[in-house]
Amino acid sequence: MIFANIMQDKEGGEKYWSKLLHKYRFVIMTDSSFEEKLSVKLSRLNVLAFIGIFVFACFFSTLLLIAYTPLSEYVPGKSSIEVQKNLVELSLKSDSLENILHNRAIYLENINNIINGNELVTPIESNKVSEKNEDEIVFDKSKEDSLLRLSVEAEDKSSIYIKSASENNYLMFFTPLTGIISDRYNSKTKHFGIDLVAKEKSRISSVLDGTVIVSHWTSETGYVIAIQHKNDYISLYKHNSLLLKEVGDFVNAGDHIAIIGNSGELSSGPHLHFELWHKGTPVNPENYISF
């Protein structure tokens, strides 16, 4: 019985393969004369193989069209190339703006620290890649940052408010230089300081403890140094021949900061032009210091 079933299955398999391999003749003839135009021998296996290859070729061609042609934009859920570029650009710009705003905030805080004589805040370096590095803000001690106070004071000298009362808040001011006063403080002529004449190469001292916020040269006032003191006092020393301190240096009262000179277009001889400012307004140094 088992042998008969095996033989029956074998005969059935042979019949199946014989059907697949059985040849058929596909003929194309003219309708009027029955002339044979095309004749092809086919089997079921050939037809199935041809259909499979055709389906695979269509599927592969469709993938290529979607991947390398603009047709990919019409695929649901897939954005266009322009939209993707715009998204990338917007993402980079937002990162750059975030970094700029953060640096600006630290920049303003450092300006306030310079004015108040506090320590500078060092920004934390970011690992994000920035598109533009030419506008990066440097928070090291620089002359440009320190010149901000002078530029604001010189912005509109005609509207400067002159303080007549002396408020030293119990501070002990040190004499910057031992010499003769050649020109006194006069708010009417806008001479917001006093001129002291002394020996050549005399050393100039700081009147109070503080931090150097300006140490540079200009064509009008020559070598200038300015110091930020506590209680919002600022002392300026102009027309020097040599500066002994740099921006950011802390000095004590009486420390030598410059050498008397005759630098600058507004100078007519070796002398020190000394100014004292309190809360952004000039005051008469003789009300605070005994020269």
Protein backbone atom coordinates (compact mmCIF):
# COMPACT_ATOMS: atom_id res chain seq x y z
CA MET A 1 0.00 0.00 0.00
CA ILE A 2 2.82 2.41 0.93
CA PHE A 3 4.73 1.49 -2.23
CA ALA A 4 1.64 2.20 -4.31
CA ASN A 5 1.25 5.64 -2.70
CA ILE A 6 4.92 6.47 -3.36
CA MET A 7 4.59 5.43 -6.98
CA GLN A 8 1.42 7.50 -7.30
CA ASP A 9 3.15 10.62 -5.87
CA LYS A 10 6.09 10.08 -8.18
CA GLU A 11 3.83 9.83 -11.19
CA GLY A 12 2.00 13.00 -10.08
CA GLY A 13 5.31 14.93 -9.80
CA GLU A 14 6.41 13.77 -13.22
CA LYS A 15 3.11 14.91 -14.69
CA TYR A 16 3.49 18.35 -13.01
CA TRP A 17 7.01 18.90 -14.39
CA SER A 18 5.94 17.59 -17.77
CA LYS A 19 3.18 20.22 -17.84
CA LEU A 20 5.64 22.96 -16.89
CA LEU A 21 8.12 21.87 -19.53
CA HIS A 22 5.57 21.09 -22.20
CA LYS A 23 6.20 23.20 -25.28
CA TYR A 24 3.54 25.40 -26.83
CA ARG A 25 3.76 27.19 -30.10
CA PHE A 26 2.75 30.84 -30.17
CA VAL A 27 2.01 31.87 -33.76
CA ILE A 28 1.04 35.24 -35.26
CA MET A 29 -0.60 35.03 -38.73
CA THR A 30 -2.28 37.40 -41.11
CA ASP A 31 -6.07 37.29 -41.12
CA SER A 32 -6.52 37.15 -44.88
CA SER A 33 -3.85 34.70 -46.08
CA PHE A 34 -3.00 32.96 -42.82
CA GLU A 35 0.64 33.75 -43.54
CA GLU A 36 2.80 33.07 -40.51
CA LYS A 37 4.52 36.26 -39.29
CA LEU A 38 5.91 35.18 -35.93
CA SER A 39 6.35 31.85 -34.24
CA VAL A 40 7.63 31.31 -30.72
CA LYS A 41 7.92 28.11 -28.72
CA LEU A 42 7.02 28.58 -25.10
CA SER A 43 6.48 26.54 -22.02
CA ARG A 44 4.73 27.36 -18.80
CA LEU A 45 8.08 27.54 -17.02
CA ASN A 46 9.38 30.08 -19.56
CA VAL A 47 6.29 32.23 -19.13
CA LEU A 48 6.55 32.20 -15.31
CA ALA A 49 10.26 33.05 -15.49
CA PHE A 50 9.58 35.93 -17.91
CA ILE A 51 6.83 37.33 -15.69
CA GLY A 52 9.08 37.14 -12.62
CA ILE A 53 11.95 38.92 -14.37
CA PHE A 54 9.56 41.60 -15.68
CA VAL A 55 8.09 42.25 -12.22
CA PHE A 56 11.57 42.46 -10.67
CA ALA A 57 12.74 44.87 -13.39
CA CYS A 58 9.70 47.10 -12.85
CA PHE A 59 10.23 47.12 -9.09
CA PHE A 60 13.95 47.92 -9.39
CA SER A 61 13.28 50.68 -11.94
CA THR A 62 10.67 52.23 -9.63
CA LEU A 63 13.16 52.31 -6.76
CA LEU A 64 15.74 54.02 -8.97
CA LEU A 65 13.22 56.62 -10.14
CA ILE A 66 12.15 57.42 -6.58
CA ALA A 67 15.74 57.61 -5.29
CA TYR A 68 17.37 59.67 -8.06
CA THR A 69 14.57 61.76 -9.58
CA PRO A 70 12.23 64.53 -8.30
CA LEU A 71 9.50 61.89 -8.00
CA SER A 72 10.70 61.29 -4.46
CA GLU A 73 8.97 64.55 -3.45
CA TYR A 74 5.60 62.98 -4.13
CA VAL A 75 6.16 60.06 -1.77
CA PRO A 76 3.89 60.51 1.28
CA GLY A 77 5.85 61.56 4.37
CA LYS A 78 8.99 62.55 2.46
CA SER A 79 9.85 66.29 2.29
CA SER A 80 11.36 68.01 -0.73
CA ILE A 81 15.07 68.77 -1.05
CA GLU A 82 14.48 72.51 -0.74
CA VAL A 83 12.50 72.05 2.46
CA GLN A 84 15.27 69.91 3.91
CA LYS A 85 17.90 72.53 3.01
CA ASN A 86 15.79 75.27 4.57
CA LEU A 87 15.38 73.24 7.75
CA VAL A 88 19.13 72.68 8.00
CA GLU A 89 19.85 76.39 7.42
CA LEU A 90 17.26 77.44 10.01
CA SER A 91 18.70 74.99 12.52
CA LEU A 92 22.22 76.37 12.01
CA LYS A 93 20.99 79.96 12.26
CA SER A 94 19.08 79.26 15.46
CA ASP A 95 22.19 77.69 17.01
CA SER A 96 24.27 80.70 15.94
CA LEU A 97 21.73 83.16 17.34
CA GLU A 98 21.64 81.28 20.62
CA ASN A 99 25.43 81.46 20.90
CA ILE A 100 25.46 85.16 19.96
CA LEU A 101 22.81 86.03 22.55
CA HIS A 102 24.71 84.08 25.21
CA ASN A 103 27.99 85.82 24.33
CA ARG A 104 26.28 89.23 24.25
CA ALA A 105 24.90 88.65 27.73
CA ILE A 106 28.36 87.79 29.06
CA TYR A 107 29.81 90.76 27.15
CA LEU A 108 27.42 93.19 28.85
CA GLU A 109 28.06 91.57 32.21
CA ASN A 110 31.81 92.01 31.73
CA ILE A 111 31.35 95.69 30.85
CA ASN A 112 29.49 96.13 34.13
CA ASN A 113 32.28 94.25 35.92
CA ILE A 114 34.91 96.54 34.36
CA ILE A 115 33.02 99.64 35.48
CA ASN A 116 32.56 98.29 39.01
CA GLY A 117 36.08 96.90 39.25
CA ASN A 118 34.97 93.28 39.58
CA GLU A 119 36.55 90.21 38.03
CA LEU A 120 35.72 89.35 34.43
CA VAL A 121 33.52 86.37 33.60
CA THR A 122 35.07 83.88 31.22
CA PRO A 123 32.49 82.37 28.83
CA ILE A 124 32.20 78.56 28.59
CA GLU A 125 33.36 77.36 25.21
CA SER A 126 30.62 75.69 23.19
CA ASN A 127 31.16 72.52 21.19
CA LYS A 128 28.61 73.57 18.59
CA VAL A 129 29.89 74.43 15.15
CA SER A 130 29.28 78.03 14.15
CA GLU A 131 28.89 79.08 10.55
CA LYS A 132 30.61 82.43 11.06
CA ASN A 133 33.59 82.91 13.31
CA GLU A 134 34.60 86.39 12.18
CA ASP A 135 32.13 88.03 14.58
CA GLU A 136 33.18 86.10 17.64
CA ILE A 137 33.42 88.17 20.80
CA VAL A 138 36.67 87.96 22.72
CA PHE A 139 36.33 88.38 26.46
CA ASP A 140 40.01 88.64 27.26
CA LYS A 141 41.20 91.87 28.79
CA SER A 142 41.35 94.21 25.80
CA LYS A 143 41.79 97.92 25.18
CA GLU A 144 38.60 98.11 23.09
CA ASP A 145 36.39 97.03 25.97
CA SER A 146 38.11 99.38 28.38
CA LEU A 147 37.64 102.41 26.11
CA LEU A 148 33.86 102.17 26.36
CA ARG A 149 33.63 104.50 29.34
CA LEU A 150 35.68 107.23 27.65
CA SER A 151 33.67 106.98 24.43
CA VAL A 152 30.42 107.39 26.39
CA GLU A 153 31.78 110.35 28.32
CA ALA A 154 33.00 112.04 25.13
CA GLU A 155 29.73 111.40 23.29
CA ASP A 156 28.13 114.66 24.40
CA LYS A 157 30.39 116.85 26.48
CA SER A 158 28.03 119.81 26.14
CA SER A 159 25.48 118.09 28.39
CA ILE A 160 27.84 117.03 31.16
CA TYR A 161 26.45 117.66 34.61
CA ILE A 162 29.03 119.26 36.89
CA LYS A 163 29.06 118.26 40.55
CA SER A 164 29.94 121.15 42.85
CA ALA A 165 29.74 119.34 46.18
CA SER A 166 32.51 117.06 47.31
CA GLU A 167 31.52 113.61 48.46
CA ASN A 168 34.60 111.55 49.19
CA ASN A 169 32.72 108.92 51.23
CA TYR A 170 35.62 108.88 53.72
CA LEU A 171 38.17 107.76 51.12
CA MET A 172 41.81 108.67 51.60
CA PHE A 173 43.11 109.96 48.26
CA PHE A 174 46.82 109.75 47.49
CA THR A 175 48.56 112.63 45.69
CA PRO A 176 49.27 111.54 42.09
CA LEU A 177 52.28 113.83 41.64
CA THR A 178 54.22 116.41 43.65
CA GLY A 179 54.36 119.55 41.54
CA ILE A 180 53.00 122.98 40.76
CA ILE A 181 49.44 123.52 39.52
CA SER A 182 49.66 125.37 36.19
CA ASP A 183 45.97 125.20 35.26
CA ARG A 184 43.08 124.58 37.63
CA TYR A 185 39.70 122.88 37.22
CA ASN A 186 37.23 125.06 35.28
CA SER A 187 33.86 123.68 34.21
CA LYS A 188 33.01 126.79 32.15
CA THR A 189 35.96 126.26 29.81
CA LYS A 190 35.41 122.50 29.95
CA HIS A 191 38.78 121.93 31.56
CA PHE A 192 37.65 119.00 33.72
CA GLY A 193 40.89 118.52 35.59
CA ILE A 194 44.09 120.15 36.82
CA ASP A 195 47.53 120.41 35.20
CA LEU A 196 50.56 119.61 37.35
CA VAL A 197 54.09 120.59 36.30
CA ALA A 198 56.95 118.56 37.78
CA LYS A 199 60.48 117.44 37.08
CA GLU A 200 61.24 115.36 34.02
CA LYS A 201 60.84 111.60 34.46
CA SER A 202 58.76 112.09 37.62
CA ARG A 203 56.65 109.06 38.46
CA ILE A 204 52.88 109.33 38.67
CA SER A 205 51.03 107.40 41.38
CA SER A 206 47.50 106.04 41.68
CA VAL A 207 45.27 108.10 43.97
CA LEU A 208 43.28 105.04 45.21
CA ASP A 209 43.19 101.29 44.98
CA GLY A 210 41.58 100.12 41.77
CA THR A 211 41.73 98.34 38.42
CA VAL A 212 43.22 99.79 35.24
CA ILE A 213 40.46 100.15 32.63
CA VAL A 214 42.31 102.30 30.05
CA SER A 215 45.95 102.15 29.01
CA HIS A 216 46.46 103.44 25.49
CA TRP A 217 47.64 106.30 23.27
CA THR A 218 45.60 108.93 21.41
CA SER A 219 46.70 111.73 19.10
CA GLU A 220 45.18 114.45 21.32
CA THR A 221 45.99 113.32 24.86
CA GLY A 222 49.01 111.08 24.17
CA TYR A 223 49.57 108.22 26.57
CA VAL A 224 46.51 107.94 28.82
CA ILE A 225 45.79 105.65 31.74
CA ALA A 226 42.52 105.44 33.70
CA ILE A 227 41.74 103.53 36.89
CA GLN A 228 38.36 102.39 38.20
CA HIS A 229 38.08 102.78 41.99
CA LYS A 230 35.40 101.78 44.46
CA ASN A 231 32.34 103.95 45.10
CA ASP A 232 32.16 104.71 41.33
CA TYR A 233 35.30 106.89 41.19
CA ILE A 234 37.50 107.00 38.09
CA SER A 235 40.85 108.78 37.86
CA LEU A 236 42.46 109.74 34.52
CA TYR A 237 46.13 110.59 33.89
CA LYS A 238 46.95 112.15 30.49
CA HIS A 239 50.00 113.32 28.44
CA ASN A 240 52.33 110.69 29.92
CA SER A 241 55.60 109.67 28.30
CA LEU A 242 55.38 106.04 29.41
CA LEU A 243 52.68 103.78 30.89
CA LEU A 244 53.73 101.30 33.57
CA LYS A 245 50.46 99.36 33.90
CA GLU A 246 48.17 97.52 31.47
CA VAL A 247 44.42 97.08 31.29
CA GLY A 248 43.21 94.67 33.97
CA ASP A 249 46.10 95.28 36.39
CA PHE A 250 45.11 95.95 39.99
CA VAL A 251 47.01 98.79 41.67
CA ASN A 252 47.18 100.05 45.22
CA ALA A 253 47.08 103.68 46.25
CA GLY A 254 50.55 105.17 45.72
CA ASP A 255 51.68 102.56 43.16
CA HIS A 256 53.56 104.06 40.21
CA ILE A 257 51.46 103.79 37.05
CA ALA A 258 53.12 106.19 34.55
CA ILE A 259 55.96 108.66 33.83
CA ILE A 260 55.26 112.36 33.31
CA GLY A 261 55.56 113.50 29.71
CA ASN A 262 54.55 115.81 26.90
CA SER A 263 52.68 113.46 24.57
CA GLY A 264 49.62 114.44 22.56
CA GLU A 265 48.62 117.41 20.42
CA LEU A 266 46.92 119.20 23.34
CA SER A 267 50.07 119.26 25.44
CA SER A 268 52.34 122.35 25.44
CA GLY A 269 55.03 121.03 27.79
CA PRO A 270 55.89 118.27 30.24
CA HIS A 271 53.04 118.04 32.72
CA LEU A 272 50.27 115.79 34.06
CA HIS A 273 46.63 116.44 33.26
CA PHE A 274 44.70 114.77 36.08
CA GLU A 275 40.92 114.25 36.11
CA LEU A 276 38.62 112.74 38.74
CA TRP A 277 35.14 111.47 37.87
CA HIS A 278 32.38 110.30 40.19
CA LYS A 279 29.37 108.36 38.87
CA GLY A 280 30.00 109.55 35.33
CA THR A 281 30.42 113.28 36.09
CA PRO A 282 33.64 115.31 36.55
CA VAL A 283 34.54 116.72 39.95
CA ASN A 284 37.19 119.17 41.09
CA PRO A 285 40.21 117.12 42.24
CA GLU A 286 41.25 119.86 44.68
CA ASN A 287 38.10 119.14 46.72
CA TYR A 288 39.39 115.61 47.31
CA ILE A 289 43.19 115.79 47.16
CA SER A 290 45.70 118.15 48.73
CA PHE A 291 48.22 119.05 46.01
